[in-house]
Amino acid sequence: MFREINGLPGHVLVIHAAVVFVPLLAVLAAAYGLLPRWRPRLGWAVAALAVVTPIVTWMATESGEALEDALREKGYPPQILDQVHEHAEYGGTLLWFTVGLAVAALLLLLVTRNDDRVSRLPSWAPLLLTVVVVVLGVASLVYVYLTGDTGAQAVWGGTL
């Protein structure tokens, strides 16, 4: 399913969405938590990104696994496959950080709503979730960089 799209490796096409959406979710969710006056303007974007970004990241991971399998089938040398495996490990970690960030962002959206049920929550709940969002956002940004860098080094560094 993710191996090829119109004859091109699916991974090459899908990764660009993850490279854009993960940082957008990290930055906008952090801004939503840290800048309460911006919440009415950012809420819809954070909600949409929190739903779409993990899906896109999962698609990038799955298409990457399909590409890795294709490289194995073509008999690429072990040193290249090791580099691809390192890239895949970073991508797998990125997926989990992205899912955590998305869940934390959605919870932050919920606890900052003007609702009677929300008003019964402790006053520190939005602050705690903001800290979680910022930490997971930074981790996601680090892993977007590490994943992208190892992938780019494998492709453009003369490996593939």
N, C-alpha and C. Protein backbone atom coordinates (compact mmCIF):
# COMPACT_ATOMS: atom_id res chain seq x y z
N MET A 1 0.82 -1.19 0.00
CA MET A 1 0.00 0.00 0.00
C MET A 1 0.87 1.27 0.00
N PHE A 2 1.94 1.28 0.80
CA PHE A 2 2.78 2.48 0.91
C PHE A 2 4.07 2.37 0.11
N ARG A 3 4.22 1.28 -0.61
CA ARG A 3 5.50 1.05 -1.28
C ARG A 3 5.74 2.03 -2.43
N GLU A 4 4.74 2.20 -3.30
CA GLU A 4 4.91 3.09 -4.45
C GLU A 4 3.65 3.91 -4.69
N ILE A 5 3.86 5.12 -5.17
CA ILE A 5 2.77 5.98 -5.61
C ILE A 5 3.17 6.48 -6.99
N ASN A 6 2.43 6.05 -8.00
CA ASN A 6 2.75 6.40 -9.40
C ASN A 6 4.19 6.07 -9.76
N GLY A 7 4.68 4.95 -9.30
CA GLY A 7 6.02 4.50 -9.65
C GLY A 7 7.14 5.06 -8.79
N LEU A 8 6.83 6.02 -7.92
CA LEU A 8 7.85 6.58 -7.03
C LEU A 8 7.72 5.93 -5.66
N PRO A 9 8.84 5.81 -4.93
CA PRO A 9 8.72 5.29 -3.57
C PRO A 9 7.78 6.18 -2.75
N GLY A 10 6.78 5.58 -2.13
CA GLY A 10 5.80 6.34 -1.35
C GLY A 10 6.44 7.16 -0.25
N HIS A 11 7.51 6.65 0.32
CA HIS A 11 8.17 7.33 1.43
C HIS A 11 8.67 8.72 1.03
N VAL A 12 9.21 8.82 -0.16
CA VAL A 12 9.75 10.09 -0.64
C VAL A 12 8.65 11.15 -0.71
N LEU A 13 7.44 10.74 -1.02
CA LEU A 13 6.34 11.69 -1.15
C LEU A 13 5.70 12.02 0.20
N VAL A 14 5.60 11.05 1.08
CA VAL A 14 4.88 11.23 2.34
C VAL A 14 5.72 11.99 3.38
N ILE A 15 7.02 11.81 3.36
CA ILE A 15 7.85 12.41 4.41
C ILE A 15 7.74 13.92 4.46
N HIS A 16 7.48 14.54 3.33
CA HIS A 16 7.41 16.00 3.32
C HIS A 16 6.26 16.52 4.17
N ALA A 17 5.17 15.80 4.20
CA ALA A 17 4.04 16.20 5.05
C ALA A 17 4.45 16.11 6.53
N ALA A 18 5.13 15.05 6.90
CA ALA A 18 5.57 14.90 8.29
C ALA A 18 6.57 15.99 8.67
N VAL A 19 7.47 16.31 7.75
CA VAL A 19 8.49 17.33 8.01
C VAL A 19 7.85 18.70 8.23
N VAL A 20 6.70 18.93 7.63
CA VAL A 20 6.00 20.21 7.81
C VAL A 20 5.07 20.16 9.02
N PHE A 21 4.27 19.10 9.13
CA PHE A 21 3.22 19.06 10.15
C PHE A 21 3.74 18.88 11.57
N VAL A 22 4.78 18.09 11.76
CA VAL A 22 5.29 17.87 13.12
C VAL A 22 5.79 19.19 13.74
N PRO A 23 6.65 19.95 13.06
CA PRO A 23 7.05 21.23 13.65
C PRO A 23 5.89 22.20 13.83
N LEU A 24 4.95 22.21 12.89
CA LEU A 24 3.79 23.09 13.04
C LEU A 24 3.00 22.73 14.29
N LEU A 25 2.75 21.45 14.50
CA LEU A 25 2.02 21.03 15.70
C LEU A 25 2.80 21.41 16.95
N ALA A 26 4.10 21.18 16.97
CA ALA A 26 4.92 21.49 18.14
C ALA A 26 4.87 22.98 18.46
N VAL A 27 5.04 23.82 17.46
CA VAL A 27 5.09 25.27 17.69
C VAL A 27 3.71 25.82 18.04
N LEU A 28 2.69 25.43 17.29
CA LEU A 28 1.36 25.99 17.55
C LEU A 28 0.76 25.49 18.85
N ALA A 29 1.00 24.23 19.21
CA ALA A 29 0.49 23.72 20.48
C ALA A 29 1.19 24.41 21.65
N ALA A 30 2.49 24.64 21.53
CA ALA A 30 3.22 25.37 22.58
C ALA A 30 2.71 26.80 22.68
N ALA A 31 2.51 27.45 21.55
CA ALA A 31 1.98 28.83 21.56
C ALA A 31 0.59 28.87 22.17
N TYR A 32 -0.23 27.87 21.86
CA TYR A 32 -1.58 27.79 22.43
C TYR A 32 -1.51 27.73 23.96
N GLY A 33 -0.61 26.94 24.47
CA GLY A 33 -0.49 26.80 25.92
C GLY A 33 0.16 28.00 26.59
N LEU A 34 1.16 28.57 25.95
CA LEU A 34 1.93 29.65 26.57
C LEU A 34 1.32 31.04 26.38
N LEU A 35 0.50 31.20 25.38
CA LEU A 35 -0.08 32.51 25.06
C LEU A 35 -1.61 32.43 25.09
N PRO A 36 -2.22 32.51 26.27
CA PRO A 36 -3.67 32.33 26.37
C PRO A 36 -4.49 33.27 25.49
N ARG A 37 -4.01 34.47 25.24
CA ARG A 37 -4.79 35.40 24.42
C ARG A 37 -4.89 34.94 22.96
N TRP A 38 -3.99 34.06 22.53
CA TRP A 38 -4.02 33.54 21.16
C TRP A 38 -4.88 32.29 21.02
N ARG A 39 -5.34 31.75 22.12
CA ARG A 39 -6.07 30.48 22.08
C ARG A 39 -7.26 30.48 21.14
N PRO A 40 -8.08 31.51 21.12
CA PRO A 40 -9.22 31.47 20.19
C PRO A 40 -8.80 31.36 18.72
N ARG A 41 -7.66 31.93 18.38
CA ARG A 41 -7.19 31.90 16.99
C ARG A 41 -6.44 30.62 16.65
N LEU A 42 -5.81 29.99 17.64
CA LEU A 42 -4.97 28.82 17.39
C LEU A 42 -5.68 27.49 17.62
N GLY A 43 -6.77 27.52 18.37
CA GLY A 43 -7.41 26.27 18.77
C GLY A 43 -7.77 25.34 17.62
N TRP A 44 -8.37 25.90 16.58
CA TRP A 44 -8.80 25.05 15.45
C TRP A 44 -7.59 24.43 14.76
N ALA A 45 -6.50 25.22 14.61
CA ALA A 45 -5.31 24.70 13.93
C ALA A 45 -4.64 23.61 14.76
N VAL A 46 -4.56 23.82 16.07
CA VAL A 46 -3.96 22.81 16.95
C VAL A 46 -4.79 21.53 16.90
N ALA A 47 -6.11 21.66 16.93
CA ALA A 47 -6.98 20.48 16.87
C ALA A 47 -6.79 19.72 15.56
N ALA A 48 -6.79 20.43 14.46
CA ALA A 48 -6.62 19.78 13.16
C ALA A 48 -5.25 19.11 13.05
N LEU A 49 -4.20 19.82 13.46
CA LEU A 49 -2.86 19.25 13.40
C LEU A 49 -2.70 18.06 14.34
N ALA A 50 -3.36 18.11 15.50
CA ALA A 50 -3.26 17.00 16.46
C ALA A 50 -3.91 15.73 15.91
N VAL A 51 -4.84 15.88 15.00
CA VAL A 51 -5.47 14.71 14.38
C VAL A 51 -4.66 14.24 13.17
N VAL A 52 -4.25 15.17 12.32
CA VAL A 52 -3.60 14.84 11.05
C VAL A 52 -2.14 14.41 11.22
N THR A 53 -1.40 15.08 12.10
CA THR A 53 0.04 14.85 12.20
C THR A 53 0.42 13.42 12.58
N PRO A 54 -0.22 12.80 13.58
CA PRO A 54 0.15 11.41 13.85
C PRO A 54 -0.16 10.47 12.69
N ILE A 55 -1.22 10.75 11.96
CA ILE A 55 -1.57 9.91 10.80
C ILE A 55 -0.49 10.03 9.73
N VAL A 56 -0.10 11.24 9.43
CA VAL A 56 0.94 11.48 8.41
C VAL A 56 2.27 10.87 8.86
N THR A 57 2.59 11.02 10.13
CA THR A 57 3.84 10.46 10.64
C THR A 57 3.82 8.94 10.57
N TRP A 58 2.68 8.35 10.89
CA TRP A 58 2.54 6.89 10.78
C TRP A 58 2.71 6.46 9.32
N MET A 59 2.09 7.21 8.39
CA MET A 59 2.22 6.88 6.97
C MET A 59 3.68 6.97 6.53
N ALA A 60 4.41 7.97 7.03
CA ALA A 60 5.83 8.09 6.70
C ALA A 60 6.62 6.90 7.23
N THR A 61 6.29 6.47 8.44
CA THR A 61 6.97 5.32 9.04
C THR A 61 6.67 4.04 8.25
N GLU A 62 5.41 3.83 7.93
CA GLU A 62 5.04 2.62 7.18
C GLU A 62 5.66 2.60 5.79
N SER A 63 5.63 3.75 5.12
CA SER A 63 6.23 3.80 3.78
C SER A 63 7.74 3.64 3.85
N GLY A 64 8.35 4.11 4.92
CA GLY A 64 9.78 3.91 5.12
C GLY A 64 10.12 2.45 5.32
N GLU A 65 9.28 1.75 6.07
CA GLU A 65 9.51 0.30 6.25
C GLU A 65 9.38 -0.43 4.92
N ALA A 66 8.42 -0.01 4.10
CA ALA A 66 8.27 -0.63 2.78
C ALA A 66 9.50 -0.36 1.91
N LEU A 67 10.03 0.85 1.99
CA LEU A 67 11.25 1.18 1.23
C LEU A 67 12.44 0.38 1.74
N GLU A 68 12.54 0.25 3.06
CA GLU A 68 13.64 -0.54 3.63
C GLU A 68 13.56 -1.99 3.15
N ASP A 69 12.35 -2.55 3.12
CA ASP A 69 12.17 -3.91 2.61
C ASP A 69 12.58 -4.02 1.14
N ALA A 70 12.23 -3.00 0.36
CA ALA A 70 12.59 -3.00 -1.06
C ALA A 70 14.10 -2.96 -1.24
N LEU A 71 14.78 -2.17 -0.41
CA LEU A 71 16.24 -2.10 -0.49
C LEU A 71 16.88 -3.44 -0.11
N ARG A 72 16.31 -4.11 0.89
CA ARG A 72 16.81 -5.43 1.28
C ARG A 72 16.63 -6.43 0.14
N GLU A 73 15.45 -6.39 -0.49
CA GLU A 73 15.17 -7.30 -1.60
C GLU A 73 16.12 -7.07 -2.78
N LYS A 74 16.53 -5.82 -2.97
CA LYS A 74 17.44 -5.50 -4.08
C LYS A 74 18.89 -5.81 -3.74
N GLY A 75 19.14 -6.25 -2.51
CA GLY A 75 20.47 -6.68 -2.13
C GLY A 75 21.44 -5.57 -1.80
N TYR A 76 20.94 -4.48 -1.25
CA TYR A 76 21.84 -3.39 -0.84
C TYR A 76 22.82 -3.90 0.21
N PRO A 77 24.04 -3.36 0.24
CA PRO A 77 25.06 -3.83 1.19
C PRO A 77 24.66 -3.56 2.64
N PRO A 78 25.18 -4.37 3.56
CA PRO A 78 24.82 -4.24 4.97
C PRO A 78 25.10 -2.85 5.57
N GLN A 79 26.19 -2.19 5.17
CA GLN A 79 26.48 -0.87 5.75
C GLN A 79 25.41 0.15 5.37
N ILE A 80 24.87 0.04 4.17
CA ILE A 80 23.79 0.94 3.75
C ILE A 80 22.52 0.60 4.52
N LEU A 81 22.23 -0.68 4.62
CA LEU A 81 21.03 -1.10 5.35
C LEU A 81 21.12 -0.72 6.83
N ASP A 82 22.31 -0.71 7.39
CA ASP A 82 22.48 -0.26 8.77
C ASP A 82 22.14 1.22 8.91
N GLN A 83 22.57 2.01 7.95
CA GLN A 83 22.24 3.44 7.96
C GLN A 83 20.74 3.65 7.82
N VAL A 84 20.12 2.89 6.94
CA VAL A 84 18.68 2.99 6.75
C VAL A 84 17.96 2.54 8.02
N HIS A 85 18.48 1.52 8.67
CA HIS A 85 17.87 1.05 9.91
C HIS A 85 17.96 2.11 11.01
N GLU A 86 19.10 2.80 11.11
CA GLU A 86 19.24 3.88 12.09
C GLU A 86 18.21 4.97 11.82
N HIS A 87 18.03 5.32 10.56
CA HIS A 87 17.04 6.31 10.16
C HIS A 87 15.64 5.83 10.56
N ALA A 88 15.36 4.56 10.34
CA ALA A 88 14.05 4.00 10.69
C ALA A 88 13.81 4.01 12.20
N GLU A 89 14.85 3.76 12.97
CA GLU A 89 14.72 3.81 14.43
C GLU A 89 14.36 5.22 14.90
N TYR A 90 15.01 6.22 14.35
CA TYR A 90 14.67 7.60 14.68
C TYR A 90 13.22 7.90 14.29
N GLY A 91 12.82 7.43 13.12
CA GLY A 91 11.45 7.64 12.67
C GLY A 91 10.43 6.98 13.57
N GLY A 92 10.73 5.79 14.06
CA GLY A 92 9.82 5.11 14.99
C GLY A 92 9.68 5.87 16.29
N THR A 93 10.79 6.39 16.79
CA THR A 93 10.74 7.19 18.02
C THR A 93 9.97 8.48 17.78
N LEU A 94 10.19 9.11 16.63
CA LEU A 94 9.45 10.32 16.28
C LEU A 94 7.95 10.05 16.28
N LEU A 95 7.53 8.92 15.76
CA LEU A 95 6.10 8.59 15.73
C LEU A 95 5.53 8.61 17.14
N TRP A 96 6.21 8.00 18.10
CA TRP A 96 5.68 7.94 19.47
C TRP A 96 5.66 9.32 20.13
N PHE A 97 6.69 10.12 19.90
CA PHE A 97 6.68 11.49 20.43
C PHE A 97 5.54 12.31 19.81
N THR A 98 5.30 12.10 18.52
CA THR A 98 4.24 12.83 17.84
C THR A 98 2.86 12.42 18.36
N VAL A 99 2.66 11.15 18.59
CA VAL A 99 1.38 10.70 19.15
C VAL A 99 1.19 11.29 20.54
N GLY A 100 2.23 11.25 21.37
CA GLY A 100 2.14 11.84 22.70
C GLY A 100 1.85 13.33 22.65
N LEU A 101 2.52 14.04 21.75
CA LEU A 101 2.29 15.47 21.58
C LEU A 101 0.85 15.74 21.15
N ALA A 102 0.35 14.97 20.24
CA ALA A 102 -1.02 15.16 19.75
C ALA A 102 -2.04 14.94 20.87
N VAL A 103 -1.84 13.88 21.65
CA VAL A 103 -2.76 13.60 22.75
C VAL A 103 -2.69 14.72 23.79
N ALA A 104 -1.49 15.14 24.14
CA ALA A 104 -1.33 16.22 25.13
C ALA A 104 -1.96 17.52 24.61
N ALA A 105 -1.79 17.80 23.32
CA ALA A 105 -2.37 19.02 22.74
C ALA A 105 -3.90 18.96 22.78
N LEU A 106 -4.47 17.81 22.46
CA LEU A 106 -5.93 17.67 22.52
C LEU A 106 -6.44 17.80 23.96
N LEU A 107 -5.72 17.23 24.90
CA LEU A 107 -6.10 17.37 26.31
C LEU A 107 -6.01 18.83 26.75
N LEU A 108 -4.97 19.53 26.30
CA LEU A 108 -4.83 20.95 26.62
C LEU A 108 -6.01 21.74 26.06
N LEU A 109 -6.41 21.42 24.84
CA LEU A 109 -7.58 22.07 24.26
C LEU A 109 -8.83 21.83 25.12
N LEU A 110 -8.96 20.60 25.60
CA LEU A 110 -10.13 20.26 26.42
C LEU A 110 -10.14 20.98 27.76
N VAL A 111 -9.00 21.04 28.42
CA VAL A 111 -8.98 21.64 29.76
C VAL A 111 -9.00 23.16 29.73
N THR A 112 -8.83 23.77 28.58
CA THR A 112 -8.88 25.23 28.50
C THR A 112 -10.21 25.72 27.93
N ARG A 113 -11.14 24.80 27.70
CA ARG A 113 -12.47 25.21 27.23
C ARG A 113 -13.24 25.88 28.36
N ASN A 114 -14.15 26.73 28.00
CA ASN A 114 -15.04 27.32 29.00
C ASN A 114 -16.24 26.41 29.16
N ASP A 115 -16.15 25.55 30.15
CA ASP A 115 -17.16 24.51 30.36
C ASP A 115 -17.26 24.27 31.86
N ASP A 116 -18.44 23.96 32.36
CA ASP A 116 -18.62 23.72 33.80
C ASP A 116 -17.78 22.54 34.29
N ARG A 117 -17.70 21.49 33.48
CA ARG A 117 -16.90 20.33 33.90
C ARG A 117 -15.42 20.68 33.99
N VAL A 118 -14.96 21.55 33.09
CA VAL A 118 -13.56 21.95 33.08
C VAL A 118 -13.25 22.82 34.30
N SER A 119 -14.20 23.63 34.71
CA SER A 119 -13.95 24.53 35.85
C SER A 119 -13.74 23.76 37.15
N ARG A 120 -14.13 22.49 37.20
CA ARG A 120 -13.91 21.67 38.39
C ARG A 120 -12.49 21.07 38.43
N LEU A 121 -11.75 21.21 37.35
CA LEU A 121 -10.38 20.71 37.33
C LEU A 121 -9.48 21.62 38.15
N PRO A 122 -8.37 21.08 38.66
CA PRO A 122 -7.42 21.94 39.38
C PRO A 122 -6.89 23.05 38.47
N SER A 123 -6.60 24.19 39.05
CA SER A 123 -6.14 25.33 38.25
C SER A 123 -4.78 25.08 37.62
N TRP A 124 -4.01 24.14 38.14
CA TRP A 124 -2.68 23.86 37.60
C TRP A 124 -2.73 22.90 36.40
N ALA A 125 -3.89 22.32 36.09
CA ALA A 125 -3.98 21.34 34.99
C ALA A 125 -3.54 21.93 33.65
N PRO A 126 -4.02 23.13 33.26
CA PRO A 126 -3.53 23.68 31.98
C PRO A 126 -2.03 23.95 31.98
N LEU A 127 -1.49 24.39 33.10
CA LEU A 127 -0.05 24.64 33.18
C LEU A 127 0.74 23.34 33.03
N LEU A 128 0.30 22.31 33.71
CA LEU A 128 0.97 21.01 33.61
C LEU A 128 0.93 20.50 32.17
N LEU A 129 -0.24 20.58 31.54
CA LEU A 129 -0.34 20.12 30.15
C LEU A 129 0.48 20.98 29.20
N THR A 130 0.59 22.26 29.49
CA THR A 130 1.45 23.13 28.66
C THR A 130 2.90 22.68 28.76
N VAL A 131 3.36 22.36 29.97
CA VAL A 131 4.73 21.87 30.15
C VAL A 131 4.92 20.56 29.39
N VAL A 132 3.95 19.67 29.47
CA VAL A 132 4.04 18.39 28.75
C VAL A 132 4.09 18.64 27.24
N VAL A 133 3.25 19.55 26.75
CA VAL A 133 3.23 19.87 25.32
C VAL A 133 4.57 20.44 24.89
N VAL A 134 5.14 21.34 25.67
CA VAL A 134 6.42 21.95 25.30
C VAL A 134 7.53 20.89 25.28
N VAL A 135 7.57 20.05 26.29
CA VAL A 135 8.61 19.00 26.36
C VAL A 135 8.46 18.03 25.19
N LEU A 136 7.25 17.56 24.94
CA LEU A 136 7.04 16.64 23.82
C LEU A 136 7.26 17.33 22.48
N GLY A 137 6.95 18.62 22.41
CA GLY A 137 7.20 19.38 21.18
C GLY A 137 8.69 19.49 20.89
N VAL A 138 9.47 19.78 21.92
CA VAL A 138 10.93 19.86 21.74
C VAL A 138 11.49 18.49 21.33
N ALA A 139 11.03 17.44 22.00
CA ALA A 139 11.49 16.09 21.64
C ALA A 139 11.11 15.75 20.20
N SER A 140 9.91 16.12 19.79
CA SER A 140 9.48 15.86 18.42
C SER A 140 10.34 16.62 17.42
N LEU A 141 10.64 17.87 17.74
CA LEU A 141 11.50 18.66 16.85
C LEU A 141 12.90 18.06 16.74
N VAL A 142 13.44 17.59 17.86
CA VAL A 142 14.76 16.96 17.84
C VAL A 142 14.72 15.71 16.96
N TYR A 143 13.67 14.90 17.11
CA TYR A 143 13.60 13.67 16.33
C TYR A 143 13.23 13.90 14.87
N VAL A 144 12.52 14.98 14.57
CA VAL A 144 12.33 15.33 13.15
C VAL A 144 13.68 15.63 12.53
N TYR A 145 14.49 16.38 13.25
CA TYR A 145 15.82 16.71 12.75
C TYR A 145 16.68 15.45 12.58
N LEU A 146 16.74 14.62 13.64
CA LEU A 146 17.58 13.42 13.58
C LEU A 146 17.12 12.47 12.47
N THR A 147 15.82 12.30 12.36
CA THR A 147 15.29 11.40 11.33
C THR A 147 15.60 11.96 9.94
N GLY A 148 15.31 13.23 9.76
CA GLY A 148 15.56 13.84 8.45
C GLY A 148 17.03 13.87 8.09
N ASP A 149 17.88 14.17 9.07
CA ASP A 149 19.31 14.24 8.80
C ASP A 149 19.87 12.87 8.41
N THR A 150 19.50 11.83 9.16
CA THR A 150 20.03 10.50 8.81
C THR A 150 19.49 10.04 7.46
N GLY A 151 18.24 10.38 7.15
CA GLY A 151 17.69 10.04 5.85
C GLY A 151 18.39 10.80 4.73
N ALA A 152 18.60 12.08 4.93
CA ALA A 152 19.27 12.89 3.92
C ALA A 152 20.72 12.44 3.74
N GLN A 153 21.40 12.11 4.83
CA GLN A 153 22.77 11.62 4.72
C GLN A 153 22.82 10.32 3.95
N ALA A 154 21.82 9.46 4.16
CA ALA A 154 21.80 8.18 3.43
C ALA A 154 21.59 8.42 1.93
N VAL A 155 20.73 9.36 1.59
CA VAL A 155 20.43 9.59 0.18
C VAL A 155 21.46 10.50 -0.48
N TRP A 156 21.74 11.63 0.13
CA TRP A 156 22.58 12.63 -0.51
C TRP A 156 24.05 12.52 -0.11
N GLY A 157 24.35 11.69 0.88
CA GLY A 157 25.73 11.53 1.32
C GLY A 157 26.48 10.48 0.51
N GLY A 158 25.92 10.06 -0.60
CA GLY A 158 26.59 9.11 -1.46
C GLY A 158 26.31 7.66 -1.10
N THR A 159 25.41 7.43 -0.14
CA THR A 159 25.11 6.06 0.28
C THR A 159 24.15 5.39 -0.67
N LEU A 160 23.05 6.03 -0.98
CA LEU A 160 22.04 5.39 -1.84
C LEU A 160 22.14 5.88 -3.26
